[in-house]
């Protein structure tokens, strides 16, 4: 039988204060995802997923990311964002 376990690649964040996250046990690793995550583990997973959006767009038609740290995680997804 093959069993698959979804994981997130995580690393030790520095100075992250937007919401509670887990204290890193090591500087890099994989966090197994499942229904028994603590609130801090869910915060860590959300932080890591949201950080994937925290990049400047290439030279194309997309707008630059907002300067506000919270708004920069999900640019273009806020109802108050204008194009």
C-alpha atoms as a PDB file:
ATOM      1  CA  UNK A   1       0.000   0.000   0.000  1.00  0.00           C
ATOM      2  CA  UNK A   2       1.260   3.472  -0.891  1.00  0.00           C
ATOM      3  CA  UNK A   3       0.457   6.247   1.569  1.00  0.00           C
ATOM      4  CA  UNK A   4       0.908   9.881   0.619  1.00  0.00           C
ATOM      5  CA  UNK A   5       1.347  12.625   3.217  1.00  0.00           C
ATOM      6  CA  UNK A   6       1.057  16.275   2.110  1.00  0.00           C
ATOM      7  CA  UNK A   7       3.834  18.441   3.496  1.00  0.00           C
ATOM      8  CA  UNK A   8       4.969  22.055   3.272  1.00  0.00           C
ATOM      9  CA  UNK A   9       8.576  23.063   2.916  1.00  0.00           C
ATOM     10  CA  UNK A  10       9.254  25.411   5.841  1.00  0.00           C
ATOM     11  CA  UNK A  11      12.193  27.342   7.216  1.00  0.00           C
ATOM     12  CA  UNK A  12      12.857  29.415  10.306  1.00  0.00           C
ATOM     13  CA  UNK A  13      11.173  32.797   9.805  1.00  0.00           C
ATOM     14  CA  UNK A  14      12.902  35.873  11.172  1.00  0.00           C
ATOM     15  CA  UNK A  15      10.891  38.683  12.711  1.00  0.00           C
ATOM     16  CA  UNK A  16       7.469  37.415  11.604  1.00  0.00           C
ATOM     17  CA  UNK A  17       4.726  39.113  13.671  1.00  0.00           C
ATOM     18  CA  UNK A  18       1.510  39.176  11.628  1.00  0.00           C
ATOM     19  CA  UNK A  19      -0.019  36.172  13.479  1.00  0.00           C
ATOM     20  CA  UNK A  20       1.164  33.343  15.760  1.00  0.00           C
ATOM     21  CA  UNK A  21       3.405  30.694  14.183  1.00  0.00           C
ATOM     22  CA  UNK A  22       5.349  27.763  15.560  1.00  0.00           C
ATOM     23  CA  UNK A  23       8.814  28.213  16.937  1.00  0.00           C
ATOM     24  CA  UNK A  24      11.199  26.576  14.476  1.00  0.00           C
ATOM     25  CA  UNK A  25      12.837  23.410  15.729  1.00  0.00           C
ATOM     26  CA  UNK A  26      15.378  23.656  12.956  1.00  0.00           C
ATOM     27  CA  UNK A  27      16.214  26.105  10.208  1.00  0.00           C
ATOM     28  CA  UNK A  28      14.683  24.018   7.385  1.00  0.00           C
ATOM     29  CA  UNK A  29      12.378  21.037   7.038  1.00  0.00           C
ATOM     30  CA  UNK A  30       9.029  19.643   5.958  1.00  0.00           C
ATOM     31  CA  UNK A  31       5.858  20.112   7.993  1.00  0.00           C
ATOM     32  CA  UNK A  32       3.272  17.330   7.600  1.00  0.00           C
ATOM     33  CA  UNK A  33      -0.240  18.664   6.995  1.00  0.00           C
ATOM     34  CA  UNK A  34      -3.312  17.106   8.535  1.00  0.00           C
ATOM     35  CA  UNK A  35      -6.407  17.655  10.637  1.00  0.00           C
ATOM     36  CA  UNK A  36      -4.571  17.665  13.945  1.00  0.00           C
ATOM     37  CA  UNK A  37      -2.494  20.830  13.454  1.00  0.00           C
ATOM     38  CA  UNK A  38      -2.323  23.307  16.324  1.00  0.00           C
ATOM     39  CA  UNK A  39      -3.350  26.927  15.781  1.00  0.00           C
ATOM     40  CA  UNK A  40       0.322  27.952  15.540  1.00  0.00           C
ATOM     41  CA  UNK A  41       1.005  25.191  12.985  1.00  0.00           C
ATOM     42  CA  UNK A  42      -1.951  26.390  10.881  1.00  0.00           C
ATOM     43  CA  UNK A  43      -0.494  29.911  11.139  1.00  0.00           C
ATOM     44  CA  UNK A  44       2.880  28.595   9.973  1.00  0.00           C
ATOM     45  CA  UNK A  45       1.298  26.769   7.037  1.00  0.00           C
ATOM     46  CA  UNK A  46      -0.706  29.833   6.014  1.00  0.00           C
ATOM     47  CA  UNK A  47       2.375  32.055   6.351  1.00  0.00           C
ATOM     48  CA  UNK A  48       4.401  29.772   4.102  1.00  0.00           C
ATOM     49  CA  UNK A  49       1.666  29.470   1.467  1.00  0.00           C
ATOM     50  CA  UNK A  50       1.023  33.225   1.506  1.00  0.00           C
ATOM     51  CA  UNK A  51       4.756  33.963   1.194  1.00  0.00           C
ATOM     52  CA  UNK A  52       4.674  32.347  -2.237  1.00  0.00           C
ATOM     53  CA  UNK A  53       2.681  35.416  -3.360  1.00  0.00           C
ATOM     54  CA  UNK A  54       5.114  37.819  -1.699  1.00  0.00           C
ATOM     55  CA  UNK A  55       7.297  38.407  -4.755  1.00  0.00           C
ATOM     56  CA  UNK A  56       7.650  41.291  -7.153  1.00  0.00           C
ATOM     57  CA  UNK A  57       6.014  40.509 -10.505  1.00  0.00           C
ATOM     58  CA  UNK A  58       8.144  40.120 -13.593  1.00  0.00           C
ATOM     59  CA  UNK A  59       8.122  42.876 -16.197  1.00  0.00           C
ATOM     60  CA  UNK A  60       4.532  42.342 -17.305  1.00  0.00           C
ATOM     61  CA  UNK A  61       1.152  44.006 -16.857  1.00  0.00           C
ATOM     62  CA  UNK A  62       0.641  42.956 -13.223  1.00  0.00           C
ATOM     63  CA  UNK A  63       0.800  45.790 -10.667  1.00  0.00           C
ATOM     64  CA  UNK A  64       3.625  45.970  -8.156  1.00  0.00           C
ATOM     65  CA  UNK A  65       2.916  44.426  -4.760  1.00  0.00           C
ATOM     66  CA  UNK A  66       1.617  46.737  -1.995  1.00  0.00           C
ATOM     67  CA  UNK A  67       4.089  48.164   0.532  1.00  0.00           C
ATOM     68  CA  UNK A  68       1.922  47.015   3.473  1.00  0.00           C
ATOM     69  CA  UNK A  69       3.255  43.607   4.676  1.00  0.00           C
ATOM     70  CA  UNK A  70      -0.190  42.061   5.214  1.00  0.00           C
ATOM     71  CA  UNK A  71      -1.605  43.326   1.907  1.00  0.00           C
ATOM     72  CA  UNK A  72       1.510  42.162   0.037  1.00  0.00           C
ATOM     73  CA  UNK A  73       0.798  38.510   0.875  1.00  0.00           C
ATOM     74  CA  UNK A  74      -2.297  38.344  -1.295  1.00  0.00           C
ATOM     75  CA  UNK A  75      -2.073  41.177  -3.827  1.00  0.00           C
ATOM     76  CA  UNK A  76      -5.116  41.542  -6.041  1.00  0.00           C
ATOM     77  CA  UNK A  77      -7.333  39.456  -3.752  1.00  0.00           C
ATOM     78  CA  UNK A  78      -8.591  42.263  -1.529  1.00  0.00           C
ATOM     79  CA  UNK A  79     -11.979  43.819  -2.371  1.00  0.00           C
ATOM     80  CA  UNK A  80     -10.468  47.291  -1.873  1.00  0.00           C
ATOM     81  CA  UNK A  81      -7.685  46.738  -4.437  1.00  0.00           C
ATOM     82  CA  UNK A  82      -8.060  48.893  -7.534  1.00  0.00           C
ATOM     83  CA  UNK A  83      -6.526  48.201 -10.913  1.00  0.00           C
END
